[in-house]
């Protein structure tokens, strides 16, 4: 089963993969030929992870990318978002590496983002030795907790993942009931920061979806947050975000849908986000009877136009 943070991370990573690599793994980013495009291979990844017998099987993204040096026509970039400490994490990365290399007959590069709170847990390798036979792999990691000491860098960056990291850390720091007012203030600060830094309308929508998911508030505080934000938008003539009410309802509906039918594609998300409010509310009621993605597809075919 996916963790509560799986879906928002997967969605934002899929929407902004080049920015993800530039933010967390700049050296690798500079070696990829982005002009040639990239392709997600999630269907192939699912086959590999179902066959693997190590760990929790929550590998996140498999991406076909091209290198600038021309040594390989294309390679496989394997990205892990790991939000919990796992003793055999390094071994799991190695198992996926071996299976992916065998399947594609291509070079494989794994990258891991560690979102847990244990500052000392930094698995970046796996090694074994038996009767003189040695095997070892090492891989780049990004530790989100390290960004607590890099707040100025986060607030100055215009990369969407600077907002993602701030939301992730704020959510971790405000888990208890006694911290919900502080979460409301930090959530409001993140939204206004995006407006002030000139994020595009689409970036605001995508990041709002992530923030809503990881920084959920009790109903009364959520209402206060939305009122505060609506007032801010009106006072500052934020006319390019006129669909805030729809965004909030759509975010809630998508969160519920993901729990019912699993991961939702970007194409399907786009269809949901443009639904009128009355149809979003109807979808919020009807989804309770959904048992799989086909039910959602059938509903959109009937009511989505």
C-alpha atoms as a PDB file:
ATOM      1  CA  UNK A   1       0.000   0.000   0.000  1.00  0.00           C
ATOM      2  CA  UNK A   2       1.263   3.516  -0.754  1.00  0.00           C
ATOM      3  CA  UNK A   3       2.101   5.784   2.148  1.00  0.00           C
ATOM      4  CA  UNK A   4       0.036   8.987   2.644  1.00  0.00           C
ATOM      5  CA  UNK A   5       2.862  11.009   1.077  1.00  0.00           C
ATOM      6  CA  UNK A   6       3.392   8.777  -1.953  1.00  0.00           C
ATOM      7  CA  UNK A   7       0.745  10.300  -4.195  1.00  0.00           C
ATOM      8  CA  UNK A   8       1.608  14.021  -3.803  1.00  0.00           C
ATOM      9  CA  UNK A   9       5.328  13.333  -4.245  1.00  0.00           C
ATOM     10  CA  UNK A  10       4.750  11.210  -7.339  1.00  0.00           C
ATOM     11  CA  UNK A  11       2.477  13.796  -8.901  1.00  0.00           C
ATOM     12  CA  UNK A  12       4.773  16.760  -8.320  1.00  0.00           C
ATOM     13  CA  UNK A  13       7.806  14.768  -9.474  1.00  0.00           C
ATOM     14  CA  UNK A  14       6.038  13.804 -12.686  1.00  0.00           C
ATOM     15  CA  UNK A  15       4.998  17.416 -13.336  1.00  0.00           C
ATOM     16  CA  UNK A  16       8.461  18.885 -12.716  1.00  0.00           C
ATOM     17  CA  UNK A  17      11.042  16.154 -13.236  1.00  0.00           C
ATOM     18  CA  UNK A  18      13.810  18.381 -14.725  1.00  0.00           C
ATOM     19  CA  UNK A  19      13.366  20.857 -11.867  1.00  0.00           C
ATOM     20  CA  UNK A  20      13.505  17.955  -9.406  1.00  0.00           C
ATOM     21  CA  UNK A  21      16.854  16.824 -10.774  1.00  0.00           C
ATOM     22  CA  UNK A  22      18.196  20.380 -10.900  1.00  0.00           C
ATOM     23  CA  UNK A  23      17.227  21.012  -7.285  1.00  0.00           C
ATOM     24  CA  UNK A  24      18.407  17.781  -5.670  1.00  0.00           C
ATOM     25  CA  UNK A  25      20.980  16.279  -8.074  1.00  0.00           C
ATOM     26  CA  UNK A  26      22.514  19.148 -10.021  1.00  0.00           C
ATOM     27  CA  UNK A  27      25.589  17.226 -11.210  1.00  0.00           C
ATOM     28  CA  UNK A  28      23.437  14.517 -12.813  1.00  0.00           C
ATOM     29  CA  UNK A  29      21.052  17.154 -14.177  1.00  0.00           C
ATOM     30  CA  UNK A  30      23.912  18.854 -16.025  1.00  0.00           C
ATOM     31  CA  UNK A  31      24.835  15.588 -17.780  1.00  0.00           C
ATOM     32  CA  UNK A  32      21.330  14.846 -19.106  1.00  0.00           C
ATOM     33  CA  UNK A  33      20.354  16.056 -22.580  1.00  0.00           C
ATOM     34  CA  UNK A  34      16.993  17.601 -21.729  1.00  0.00           C
ATOM     35  CA  UNK A  35      16.487  18.776 -25.321  1.00  0.00           C
ATOM     36  CA  UNK A  36      15.879  15.160 -26.314  1.00  0.00           C
ATOM     37  CA  UNK A  37      13.080  14.839 -23.791  1.00  0.00           C
ATOM     38  CA  UNK A  38      12.417  12.104 -21.263  1.00  0.00           C
ATOM     39  CA  UNK A  39       9.847   9.355 -20.751  1.00  0.00           C
ATOM     40  CA  UNK A  40       8.356   7.835 -17.613  1.00  0.00           C
ATOM     41  CA  UNK A  41       8.443   4.042 -17.556  1.00  0.00           C
ATOM     42  CA  UNK A  42       6.178   3.444 -14.581  1.00  0.00           C
ATOM     43  CA  UNK A  43       4.502   0.415 -16.135  1.00  0.00           C
ATOM     44  CA  UNK A  44       7.879  -1.275 -16.488  1.00  0.00           C
ATOM     45  CA  UNK A  45       8.842  -0.256 -12.957  1.00  0.00           C
ATOM     46  CA  UNK A  46       5.701  -1.850 -11.566  1.00  0.00           C
ATOM     47  CA  UNK A  47       6.631  -5.153 -13.182  1.00  0.00           C
ATOM     48  CA  UNK A  48      10.099  -5.040 -11.654  1.00  0.00           C
ATOM     49  CA  UNK A  49       8.943  -4.052  -8.161  1.00  0.00           C
ATOM     50  CA  UNK A  50       6.281  -6.752  -8.078  1.00  0.00           C
ATOM     51  CA  UNK A  51       8.983  -9.316  -8.818  1.00  0.00           C
ATOM     52  CA  UNK A  52      11.384  -7.974  -6.193  1.00  0.00           C
ATOM     53  CA  UNK A  53      11.289  -9.620  -2.772  1.00  0.00           C
ATOM     54  CA  UNK A  54      13.180  -7.049  -0.741  1.00  0.00           C
ATOM     55  CA  UNK A  55      11.758  -4.229   1.332  1.00  0.00           C
ATOM     56  CA  UNK A  56       8.480  -2.381   1.005  1.00  0.00           C
ATOM     57  CA  UNK A  57       8.404  -2.097  -2.793  1.00  0.00           C
ATOM     58  CA  UNK A  58       7.644   1.620  -2.888  1.00  0.00           C
ATOM     59  CA  UNK A  59      10.006   2.669  -5.696  1.00  0.00           C
ATOM     60  CA  UNK A  60       8.647   5.856  -7.151  1.00  0.00           C
ATOM     61  CA  UNK A  61       9.701   6.728 -10.676  1.00  0.00           C
ATOM     62  CA  UNK A  62      11.563   5.186 -13.575  1.00  0.00           C
ATOM     63  CA  UNK A  63      12.588   7.593 -16.300  1.00  0.00           C
ATOM     64  CA  UNK A  64      14.195   7.142 -19.710  1.00  0.00           C
ATOM     65  CA  UNK A  65      16.709   9.966 -20.260  1.00  0.00           C
ATOM     66  CA  UNK A  66      19.457  10.757 -22.763  1.00  0.00           C
ATOM     67  CA  UNK A  67      23.010  11.807 -21.928  1.00  0.00           C
ATOM     68  CA  UNK A  68      24.937  14.678 -23.475  1.00  0.00           C
ATOM     69  CA  UNK A  69      28.168  12.716 -23.900  1.00  0.00           C
ATOM     70  CA  UNK A  70      26.709  10.343 -26.471  1.00  0.00           C
ATOM     71  CA  UNK A  71      28.221   7.289 -24.760  1.00  0.00           C
ATOM     72  CA  UNK A  72      24.737   5.814 -24.371  1.00  0.00           C
ATOM     73  CA  UNK A  73      21.739   6.384 -26.559  1.00  0.00           C
ATOM     74  CA  UNK A  74      19.653   6.460 -23.408  1.00  0.00           C
ATOM     75  CA  UNK A  75      19.834   5.277 -19.797  1.00  0.00           C
ATOM     76  CA  UNK A  76      17.380   4.513 -16.994  1.00  0.00           C
ATOM     77  CA  UNK A  77      17.067   6.958 -14.084  1.00  0.00           C
ATOM     78  CA  UNK A  78      15.487   5.311 -11.045  1.00  0.00           C
ATOM     79  CA  UNK A  79      14.155   7.727  -8.399  1.00  0.00           C
ATOM     80  CA  UNK A  80      13.171   6.751  -4.838  1.00  0.00           C
ATOM     81  CA  UNK A  81      11.250   8.954  -2.424  1.00  0.00           C
ATOM     82  CA  UNK A  82      11.706   7.330   0.995  1.00  0.00           C
ATOM     83  CA  UNK A  83       9.801   8.864   3.902  1.00  0.00           C
ATOM     84  CA  UNK A  84      10.531   6.234   6.544  1.00  0.00           C
ATOM     85  CA  UNK A  85      13.725   4.703   7.874  1.00  0.00           C
ATOM     86  CA  UNK A  86      14.293   1.236   6.446  1.00  0.00           C
ATOM     87  CA  UNK A  87      17.287  -0.870   7.424  1.00  0.00           C
ATOM     88  CA  UNK A  88      17.476  -2.712   4.099  1.00  0.00           C
ATOM     89  CA  UNK A  89      16.970   0.335   1.922  1.00  0.00           C
ATOM     90  CA  UNK A  90      20.429   0.107   0.307  1.00  0.00           C
ATOM     91  CA  UNK A  91      19.864  -3.545  -0.548  1.00  0.00           C
ATOM     92  CA  UNK A  92      16.504  -2.704  -2.128  1.00  0.00           C
ATOM     93  CA  UNK A  93      18.122  -0.088  -4.357  1.00  0.00           C
ATOM     94  CA  UNK A  94      20.723  -2.683  -5.382  1.00  0.00           C
ATOM     95  CA  UNK A  95      18.016  -5.268  -6.172  1.00  0.00           C
ATOM     96  CA  UNK A  96      16.159  -2.796  -8.374  1.00  0.00           C
ATOM     97  CA  UNK A  97      19.424  -1.819 -10.062  1.00  0.00           C
ATOM     98  CA  UNK A  98      20.191  -5.436 -10.932  1.00  0.00           C
ATOM     99  CA  UNK A  99      16.696  -6.169 -12.179  1.00  0.00           C
ATOM    100  CA  UNK A 100      16.443  -2.966 -14.204  1.00  0.00           C
ATOM    101  CA  UNK A 101      19.840  -3.482 -15.817  1.00  0.00           C
ATOM    102  CA  UNK A 102      18.911  -7.052 -16.711  1.00  0.00           C
ATOM    103  CA  UNK A 103      15.543  -5.989 -18.124  1.00  0.00           C
ATOM    104  CA  UNK A 104      16.643  -2.998 -20.210  1.00  0.00           C
ATOM    105  CA  UNK A 105      20.268  -3.936 -20.975  1.00  0.00           C
ATOM    106  CA  UNK A 106      21.091  -0.271 -20.301  1.00  0.00           C
ATOM    107  CA  UNK A 107      23.015   1.699 -17.717  1.00  0.00           C
ATOM    108  CA  UNK A 108      20.965   2.447 -14.604  1.00  0.00           C
ATOM    109  CA  UNK A 109      21.402   5.372 -12.206  1.00  0.00           C
ATOM    110  CA  UNK A 110      19.478   5.441  -8.911  1.00  0.00           C
ATOM    111  CA  UNK A 111      18.723   8.581  -6.887  1.00  0.00           C
ATOM    112  CA  UNK A 112      17.124   8.714  -3.434  1.00  0.00           C
ATOM    113  CA  UNK A 113      15.361  11.509  -1.576  1.00  0.00           C
ATOM    114  CA  UNK A 114      15.104  10.746   2.140  1.00  0.00           C
ATOM    115  CA  UNK A 115      12.203  12.483   3.846  1.00  0.00           C
ATOM    116  CA  UNK A 116      12.465  10.921   7.318  1.00  0.00           C
ATOM    117  CA  UNK A 117      13.404  12.810  10.479  1.00  0.00           C
ATOM    118  CA  UNK A 118      16.460  10.752  11.559  1.00  0.00           C
ATOM    119  CA  UNK A 119      19.440  13.001  10.808  1.00  0.00           C
ATOM    120  CA  UNK A 120      21.906  10.123  11.163  1.00  0.00           C
ATOM    121  CA  UNK A 121      20.208   7.714   8.722  1.00  0.00           C
ATOM    122  CA  UNK A 122      21.918   8.227   5.360  1.00  0.00           C
ATOM    123  CA  UNK A 123      21.955   4.991   3.335  1.00  0.00           C
ATOM    124  CA  UNK A 124      23.857   5.628   0.120  1.00  0.00           C
ATOM    125  CA  UNK A 125      25.465   2.273  -0.613  1.00  0.00           C
ATOM    126  CA  UNK A 126      25.209  -1.501  -0.456  1.00  0.00           C
ATOM    127  CA  UNK A 127      28.107  -3.984  -0.286  1.00  0.00           C
ATOM    128  CA  UNK A 128      28.582  -7.734   0.145  1.00  0.00           C
ATOM    129  CA  UNK A 129      31.621 -10.045   0.083  1.00  0.00           C
ATOM    130  CA  UNK A 130      31.546 -13.834  -0.132  1.00  0.00           C
ATOM    131  CA  UNK A 131      34.557 -16.098  -0.795  1.00  0.00           C
ATOM    132  CA  UNK A 132      36.443 -13.339  -2.518  1.00  0.00           C
ATOM    133  CA  UNK A 133      33.439 -12.224  -4.587  1.00  0.00           C
ATOM    134  CA  UNK A 134      32.656  -8.541  -3.953  1.00  0.00           C
ATOM    135  CA  UNK A 135      29.681  -6.464  -4.998  1.00  0.00           C
ATOM    136  CA  UNK A 136      29.139  -2.810  -4.164  1.00  0.00           C
ATOM    137  CA  UNK A 137      26.922   0.030  -5.352  1.00  0.00           C
ATOM    138  CA  UNK A 138      26.677   3.593  -4.160  1.00  0.00           C
ATOM    139  CA  UNK A 139      24.077   6.177  -5.106  1.00  0.00           C
ATOM    140  CA  UNK A 140      23.392   9.896  -4.570  1.00  0.00           C
ATOM    141  CA  UNK A 141      20.971  10.864  -1.817  1.00  0.00           C
ATOM    142  CA  UNK A 142      19.261  14.094  -0.789  1.00  0.00           C
ATOM    143  CA  UNK A 143      18.275  14.400   2.877  1.00  0.00           C
ATOM    144  CA  UNK A 144      15.334  16.773   3.348  1.00  0.00           C
ATOM    145  CA  UNK A 145      15.996  17.363   7.038  1.00  0.00           C
ATOM    146  CA  UNK A 146      19.297  19.021   6.039  1.00  0.00           C
ATOM    147  CA  UNK A 147      17.315  21.893   4.511  1.00  0.00           C
ATOM    148  CA  UNK A 148      16.254  23.057   7.964  1.00  0.00           C
ATOM    149  CA  UNK A 149      19.616  24.826   8.063  1.00  0.00           C
ATOM    150  CA  UNK A 150      19.211  26.209   4.528  1.00  0.00           C
ATOM    151  CA  UNK A 151      16.071  28.316   4.940  1.00  0.00           C
ATOM    152  CA  UNK A 152      17.498  31.363   3.180  1.00  0.00           C
ATOM    153  CA  UNK A 153      18.386  29.208   0.179  1.00  0.00           C
ATOM    154  CA  UNK A 154      14.862  27.770   0.065  1.00  0.00           C
ATOM    155  CA  UNK A 155      13.127  31.129   0.260  1.00  0.00           C
ATOM    156  CA  UNK A 156      15.411  32.619  -2.404  1.00  0.00           C
ATOM    157  CA  UNK A 157      14.990  29.758  -4.899  1.00  0.00           C
ATOM    158  CA  UNK A 158      12.369  29.884  -7.659  1.00  0.00           C
ATOM    159  CA  UNK A 159      12.545  26.112  -8.173  1.00  0.00           C
ATOM    160  CA  UNK A 160       9.145  24.503  -7.338  1.00  0.00           C
ATOM    161  CA  UNK A 161      10.911  21.948  -5.149  1.00  0.00           C
ATOM    162  CA  UNK A 162      11.997  24.685  -2.783  1.00  0.00           C
ATOM    163  CA  UNK A 163       8.301  25.026  -1.925  1.00  0.00           C
ATOM    164  CA  UNK A 164       7.894  21.237  -1.827  1.00  0.00           C
ATOM    165  CA  UNK A 165      10.704  20.894   0.713  1.00  0.00           C
ATOM    166  CA  UNK A 166       9.365  23.726   2.870  1.00  0.00           C
ATOM    167  CA  UNK A 167       5.889  22.166   2.886  1.00  0.00           C
ATOM    168  CA  UNK A 168       7.309  18.735   3.716  1.00  0.00           C
ATOM    169  CA  UNK A 169       9.369  20.077   6.630  1.00  0.00           C
ATOM    170  CA  UNK A 170       6.525  22.252   7.895  1.00  0.00           C
ATOM    171  CA  UNK A 171       4.177  19.253   7.864  1.00  0.00           C
ATOM    172  CA  UNK A 172       6.651  17.217   9.920  1.00  0.00           C
ATOM    173  CA  UNK A 173       7.102  20.035  12.426  1.00  0.00           C
ATOM    174  CA  UNK A 174       3.359  20.568  12.975  1.00  0.00           C
ATOM    175  CA  UNK A 175       1.940  17.058  13.370  1.00  0.00           C
ATOM    176  CA  UNK A 176       0.322  17.375  16.805  1.00  0.00           C
ATOM    177  CA  UNK A 177      -3.049  18.965  17.560  1.00  0.00           C
ATOM    178  CA  UNK A 178      -1.334  21.706  19.525  1.00  0.00           C
ATOM    179  CA  UNK A 179       0.615  22.697  16.393  1.00  0.00           C
ATOM    180  CA  UNK A 180      -2.306  23.141  13.995  1.00  0.00           C
ATOM    181  CA  UNK A 181      -2.517  26.930  14.369  1.00  0.00           C
ATOM    182  CA  UNK A 182       1.179  27.122  13.566  1.00  0.00           C
ATOM    183  CA  UNK A 183       0.595  24.856  10.548  1.00  0.00           C
ATOM    184  CA  UNK A 184      -2.169  27.192   9.340  1.00  0.00           C
ATOM    185  CA  UNK A 185       0.189  30.195   9.526  1.00  0.00           C
ATOM    186  CA  UNK A 186       2.997  28.363   7.724  1.00  0.00           C
ATOM    187  CA  UNK A 187       0.608  27.117   5.047  1.00  0.00           C
ATOM    188  CA  UNK A 188      -0.588  30.680   4.464  1.00  0.00           C
ATOM    189  CA  UNK A 189       3.017  31.933   4.343  1.00  0.00           C
ATOM    190  CA  UNK A 190       3.934  29.367   1.675  1.00  0.00           C
ATOM    191  CA  UNK A 191       1.008  30.341  -0.515  1.00  0.00           C
ATOM    192  CA  UNK A 192       1.656  34.085  -0.281  1.00  0.00           C
ATOM    193  CA  UNK A 193       5.354  33.500  -0.934  1.00  0.00           C
ATOM    194  CA  UNK A 194       4.490  31.840  -4.245  1.00  0.00           C
ATOM    195  CA  UNK A 195       2.340  34.798  -5.244  1.00  0.00           C
ATOM    196  CA  UNK A 196       5.008  37.314  -4.282  1.00  0.00           C
ATOM    197  CA  UNK A 197       7.757  35.442  -6.126  1.00  0.00           C
ATOM    198  CA  UNK A 198       5.733  35.379  -9.323  1.00  0.00           C
ATOM    199  CA  UNK A 199       5.080  31.659  -9.726  1.00  0.00           C
ATOM    200  CA  UNK A 200       2.954  30.882 -12.760  1.00  0.00           C
ATOM    201  CA  UNK A 201      -0.709  30.029 -12.354  1.00  0.00           C
ATOM    202  CA  UNK A 202      -0.047  26.364 -13.199  1.00  0.00           C
ATOM    203  CA  UNK A 203       2.813  26.162 -10.711  1.00  0.00           C
ATOM    204  CA  UNK A 204       0.582  27.636  -8.009  1.00  0.00           C
ATOM    205  CA  UNK A 205      -2.134  25.072  -8.771  1.00  0.00           C
ATOM    206  CA  UNK A 206       0.306  22.136  -8.775  1.00  0.00           C
ATOM    207  CA  UNK A 207       2.079  23.251  -5.619  1.00  0.00           C
ATOM    208  CA  UNK A 208      -1.200  24.108  -3.910  1.00  0.00           C
ATOM    209  CA  UNK A 209      -2.275  20.504  -4.499  1.00  0.00           C
ATOM    210  CA  UNK A 210       0.919  19.263  -2.830  1.00  0.00           C
ATOM    211  CA  UNK A 211       0.623  21.687   0.095  1.00  0.00           C
ATOM    212  CA  UNK A 212      -3.040  20.810   0.651  1.00  0.00           C
ATOM    213  CA  UNK A 213      -2.191  17.127   0.760  1.00  0.00           C
ATOM    214  CA  UNK A 214       0.737  17.218   3.176  1.00  0.00           C
ATOM    215  CA  UNK A 215      -0.469  20.124   5.354  1.00  0.00           C
ATOM    216  CA  UNK A 216      -4.086  19.147   5.999  1.00  0.00           C
ATOM    217  CA  UNK A 217      -5.916  21.174   8.646  1.00  0.00           C
ATOM    218  CA  UNK A 218      -9.007  20.575  10.780  1.00  0.00           C
ATOM    219  CA  UNK A 219     -12.167  21.893   9.035  1.00  0.00           C
ATOM    220  CA  UNK A 220     -12.453  25.076  11.104  1.00  0.00           C
ATOM    221  CA  UNK A 221      -8.799  26.020  10.559  1.00  0.00           C
ATOM    222  CA  UNK A 222      -8.983  25.105   6.871  1.00  0.00           C
ATOM    223  CA  UNK A 223     -11.925  27.480   6.501  1.00  0.00           C
ATOM    224  CA  UNK A 224      -9.992  30.244   8.270  1.00  0.00           C
ATOM    225  CA  UNK A 225      -6.958  29.593   6.063  1.00  0.00           C
ATOM    226  CA  UNK A 226      -9.048  29.897   2.898  1.00  0.00           C
ATOM    227  CA  UNK A 227     -10.705  33.071   4.151  1.00  0.00           C
ATOM    228  CA  UNK A 228      -7.304  34.603   4.894  1.00  0.00           C
ATOM    229  CA  UNK A 229      -6.013  33.640   1.468  1.00  0.00           C
ATOM    230  CA  UNK A 230      -9.129  34.925  -0.310  1.00  0.00           C
ATOM    231  CA  UNK A 231      -8.704  38.267   1.474  1.00  0.00           C
ATOM    232  CA  UNK A 232      -5.029  38.398   0.507  1.00  0.00           C
ATOM    233  CA  UNK A 233      -5.843  37.641  -3.139  1.00  0.00           C
ATOM    234  CA  UNK A 234      -8.499  40.358  -3.238  1.00  0.00           C
ATOM    235  CA  UNK A 235      -6.284  42.971  -1.582  1.00  0.00           C
ATOM    236  CA  UNK A 236      -3.403  42.211  -3.937  1.00  0.00           C
ATOM    237  CA  UNK A 237      -5.448  41.819  -7.132  1.00  0.00           C
ATOM    238  CA  UNK A 238      -4.381  38.204  -7.651  1.00  0.00           C
ATOM    239  CA  UNK A 239      -6.783  37.772 -10.552  1.00  0.00           C
ATOM    240  CA  UNK A 240      -4.755  35.013 -12.187  1.00  0.00           C
ATOM    241  CA  UNK A 241      -5.846  32.614  -9.437  1.00  0.00           C
ATOM    242  CA  UNK A 242      -9.602  33.086  -9.769  1.00  0.00           C
ATOM    243  CA  UNK A 243     -10.300  29.356  -9.367  1.00  0.00           C
ATOM    244  CA  UNK A 244      -9.134  29.045  -5.749  1.00  0.00           C
ATOM    245  CA  UNK A 245     -12.431  27.619  -4.518  1.00  0.00           C
ATOM    246  CA  UNK A 246     -12.359  25.030  -7.297  1.00  0.00           C
ATOM    247  CA  UNK A 247      -8.720  24.261  -6.508  1.00  0.00           C
ATOM    248  CA  UNK A 248      -9.561  23.543  -2.892  1.00  0.00           C
ATOM    249  CA  UNK A 249     -12.483  21.282  -3.712  1.00  0.00           C
ATOM    250  CA  UNK A 250     -10.539  19.563  -6.514  1.00  0.00           C
ATOM    251  CA  UNK A 251      -7.605  18.934  -4.181  1.00  0.00           C
ATOM    252  CA  UNK A 252      -9.881  17.271  -1.629  1.00  0.00           C
ATOM    253  CA  UNK A 253     -11.610  15.175  -4.299  1.00  0.00           C
ATOM    254  CA  UNK A 254      -8.286  14.061  -5.796  1.00  0.00           C
ATOM    255  CA  UNK A 255      -7.019  13.096  -2.344  1.00  0.00           C
ATOM    256  CA  UNK A 256     -10.116  10.959  -1.786  1.00  0.00           C
ATOM    257  CA  UNK A 257      -9.909   9.466  -5.281  1.00  0.00           C
ATOM    258  CA  UNK A 258      -6.292   8.433  -4.803  1.00  0.00           C
ATOM    259  CA  UNK A 259      -7.250   6.473  -1.726  1.00  0.00           C
ATOM    260  CA  UNK A 260     -10.035   4.757  -3.655  1.00  0.00           C
ATOM    261  CA  UNK A 261      -8.455   4.065  -7.048  1.00  0.00           C
ATOM    262  CA  UNK A 262      -4.684   4.612  -6.596  1.00  0.00           C
ATOM    263  CA  UNK A 263      -2.370   6.897  -8.545  1.00  0.00           C
ATOM    264  CA  UNK A 264      -4.077   9.311 -10.953  1.00  0.00           C
ATOM    265  CA  UNK A 265      -2.471  10.353 -14.244  1.00  0.00           C
ATOM    266  CA  UNK A 266      -1.744  13.980 -15.103  1.00  0.00           C
ATOM    267  CA  UNK A 267      -4.235  13.815 -17.981  1.00  0.00           C
ATOM    268  CA  UNK A 268      -6.999  12.697 -15.626  1.00  0.00           C
ATOM    269  CA  UNK A 269      -6.022  15.322 -13.036  1.00  0.00           C
ATOM    270  CA  UNK A 270      -6.330  18.033 -15.680  1.00  0.00           C
ATOM    271  CA  UNK A 271      -9.853  16.860 -16.505  1.00  0.00           C
ATOM    272  CA  UNK A 272     -10.860  16.906 -12.849  1.00  0.00           C
ATOM    273  CA  UNK A 273      -9.442  20.365 -12.145  1.00  0.00           C
ATOM    274  CA  UNK A 274     -11.526  22.064 -14.847  1.00  0.00           C
ATOM    275  CA  UNK A 275     -14.829  20.547 -13.694  1.00  0.00           C
ATOM    276  CA  UNK A 276     -17.429  23.070 -12.485  1.00  0.00           C
ATOM    277  CA  UNK A 277     -17.851  23.159  -8.722  1.00  0.00           C
ATOM    278  CA  UNK A 278     -21.223  21.394  -8.814  1.00  0.00           C
ATOM    279  CA  UNK A 279     -19.704  18.457 -10.739  1.00  0.00           C
ATOM    280  CA  UNK A 280     -16.711  18.329  -8.417  1.00  0.00           C
ATOM    281  CA  UNK A 281     -19.110  18.024  -5.519  1.00  0.00           C
ATOM    282  CA  UNK A 282     -21.006  15.274  -7.344  1.00  0.00           C
ATOM    283  CA  UNK A 283     -17.723  13.441  -8.005  1.00  0.00           C
ATOM    284  CA  UNK A 284     -16.911  13.750  -4.304  1.00  0.00           C
ATOM    285  CA  UNK A 285     -20.141  11.898  -3.524  1.00  0.00           C
ATOM    286  CA  UNK A 286     -20.029   9.352  -6.356  1.00  0.00           C
ATOM    287  CA  UNK A 287     -16.413   8.290  -5.749  1.00  0.00           C
ATOM    288  CA  UNK A 288     -17.508   6.515  -2.582  1.00  0.00           C
ATOM    289  CA  UNK A 289     -18.882   3.783  -4.851  1.00  0.00           C
ATOM    290  CA  UNK A 290     -15.741   3.520  -7.002  1.00  0.00           C
ATOM    291  CA  UNK A 291     -13.724   0.308  -6.824  1.00  0.00           C
ATOM    292  CA  UNK A 292     -11.030   1.076  -9.432  1.00  0.00           C
ATOM    293  CA  UNK A 293      -9.694   3.490 -12.041  1.00  0.00           C
ATOM    294  CA  UNK A 294     -12.241   2.288 -14.621  1.00  0.00           C
ATOM    295  CA  UNK A 295     -15.056   3.696 -12.496  1.00  0.00           C
ATOM    296  CA  UNK A 296     -13.361   7.106 -12.539  1.00  0.00           C
ATOM    297  CA  UNK A 297     -12.785   6.935 -16.304  1.00  0.00           C
ATOM    298  CA  UNK A 298     -16.450   5.997 -16.885  1.00  0.00           C
ATOM    299  CA  UNK A 299     -17.620   8.826 -14.625  1.00  0.00           C
ATOM    300  CA  UNK A 300     -15.512  11.401 -16.473  1.00  0.00           C
ATOM    301  CA  UNK A 301     -16.761  10.137 -19.819  1.00  0.00           C
ATOM    302  CA  UNK A 302     -20.335  10.644 -18.641  1.00  0.00           C
ATOM    303  CA  UNK A 303     -20.019  13.880 -16.677  1.00  0.00           C
ATOM    304  CA  UNK A 304     -16.693  15.391 -17.694  1.00  0.00           C
ATOM    305  CA  UNK A 305     -17.782  17.240 -20.839  1.00  0.00           C
END
